[in-house]
């Protein structure tokens, strides 16, 4: 099993590899296809299981098409620390795509 099975935009693959992902975790395998199909999802898993990448990768995939230079996604978090973690994940997974996070 690999991230290529999800048919994510090829511009995301270098960021996935740079982040150290080799094979998708169970939470990623279960959630990425559902999110890519446009369905809502609530998932829970232990820390370190790849939850952030599980929802960030489909968002980045969708943001690679469509208009630029405007806000197109909003991620709400309960803490600044989690917001910073997600921001860093977007930066590393989206490296080379031209997408930005603030």
Protein backbone atom coordinates (compact mmCIF):
# COMPACT_ATOMS: atom_id res chain seq x y z
CA UNK A 1 0.00 0.00 0.00
CA UNK A 2 1.28 3.48 -0.87
CA UNK A 3 0.13 7.08 -1.03
CA UNK A 4 -0.05 6.80 -4.83
CA UNK A 5 -3.17 4.62 -4.41
CA UNK A 6 -5.10 7.71 -3.30
CA UNK A 7 -4.42 9.43 -6.64
CA UNK A 8 -3.31 12.59 -4.85
CA UNK A 9 -1.86 15.34 -7.01
CA UNK A 10 1.69 14.33 -7.92
CA UNK A 11 3.00 17.65 -6.55
CA UNK A 12 2.19 16.38 -3.04
CA UNK A 13 4.34 13.24 -3.27
CA UNK A 14 7.70 14.97 -2.58
CA UNK A 15 6.27 16.57 0.57
CA UNK A 16 4.84 13.24 1.72
CA UNK A 17 8.22 11.56 1.26
CA UNK A 18 10.09 14.46 2.90
CA UNK A 19 7.77 14.16 5.91
CA UNK A 20 8.92 10.55 6.27
CA UNK A 21 5.71 8.84 5.24
CA UNK A 22 6.36 5.58 3.39
CA UNK A 23 3.02 3.81 3.71
CA UNK A 24 -0.28 5.28 4.90
CA UNK A 25 -1.26 4.66 8.49
CA UNK A 26 -4.62 2.98 9.23
CA UNK A 27 -6.32 6.32 9.97
CA UNK A 28 -4.99 7.74 6.69
CA UNK A 29 -6.08 4.68 4.71
CA UNK A 30 -9.59 4.90 6.15
CA UNK A 31 -10.07 8.66 5.91
CA UNK A 32 -8.28 10.05 2.85
CA UNK A 33 -10.57 8.38 0.26
CA UNK A 34 -13.69 9.45 2.18
CA UNK A 35 -12.52 13.07 2.36
CA UNK A 36 -11.45 13.10 -1.30
CA UNK A 37 -14.97 11.96 -2.20
CA UNK A 38 -16.30 15.08 -0.46
CA UNK A 39 -17.79 13.43 2.61
CA UNK A 40 -17.60 14.78 6.14
CA UNK A 41 -15.67 12.71 8.62
CA UNK A 42 -14.97 12.59 12.32
CA UNK A 43 -12.05 10.41 13.30
CA UNK A 44 -10.21 9.65 16.49
CA UNK A 45 -6.88 7.96 16.97
CA UNK A 46 -3.92 8.11 19.30
CA UNK A 47 -1.25 10.79 19.05
CA UNK A 48 1.31 10.05 16.35
CA UNK A 49 -0.98 8.05 14.07
CA UNK A 50 -1.04 10.56 11.20
CA UNK A 51 -4.39 12.23 11.79
CA UNK A 52 -3.14 15.65 10.71
CA UNK A 53 -1.85 14.37 7.38
CA UNK A 54 -5.07 12.38 6.98
CA UNK A 55 -7.10 15.57 6.63
CA UNK A 56 -4.41 17.98 5.39
CA UNK A 57 -3.47 15.94 2.30
CA UNK A 58 -7.01 15.91 0.84
CA UNK A 59 -7.35 19.63 1.55
CA UNK A 60 -4.05 20.37 -0.21
CA UNK A 61 -5.08 18.13 -3.11
CA UNK A 62 -8.29 20.10 -3.61
CA UNK A 63 -6.55 23.46 -3.19
CA UNK A 64 -4.12 22.69 -6.01
CA UNK A 65 -6.96 23.31 -8.44
CA UNK A 66 -9.09 26.40 -8.52
CA UNK A 67 -8.48 30.08 -7.88
CA UNK A 68 -5.41 31.36 -6.07
CA UNK A 69 -4.70 34.43 -3.97
CA UNK A 70 -7.76 34.10 -1.78
CA UNK A 71 -8.71 32.14 1.33
CA UNK A 72 -10.21 28.78 0.36
CA UNK A 73 -9.96 26.64 3.49
CA UNK A 74 -10.42 27.26 7.18
CA UNK A 75 -9.19 24.85 9.84
CA UNK A 76 -10.40 25.53 13.38
CA UNK A 77 -8.44 24.24 16.35
CA UNK A 78 -9.00 24.44 20.10
CA UNK A 79 -5.43 25.60 20.89
CA UNK A 80 -2.68 27.74 19.38
CA UNK A 81 -0.28 24.82 19.76
CA UNK A 82 -2.45 22.58 17.60
CA UNK A 83 -2.89 25.38 15.06
CA UNK A 84 0.89 25.70 14.82
CA UNK A 85 1.28 21.92 14.43
CA UNK A 86 -1.21 21.93 11.55
CA UNK A 87 0.45 24.98 10.00
CA UNK A 88 3.81 23.15 10.06
CA UNK A 89 2.23 20.03 8.54
CA UNK A 90 0.77 22.11 5.71
CA UNK A 91 4.15 23.74 5.15
CA UNK A 92 6.01 20.41 4.98
CA UNK A 93 3.40 18.36 3.10
CA UNK A 94 2.71 21.17 0.66
CA UNK A 95 6.35 22.02 0.02
CA UNK A 96 6.84 22.90 -3.63
CA UNK A 97 3.14 23.38 -4.38
CA UNK A 98 2.99 27.14 -3.94
CA UNK A 99 0.17 26.77 -1.40
CA UNK A 100 0.42 28.84 1.76
CA UNK A 101 -0.90 28.63 5.28
CA UNK A 102 -1.29 31.37 7.86
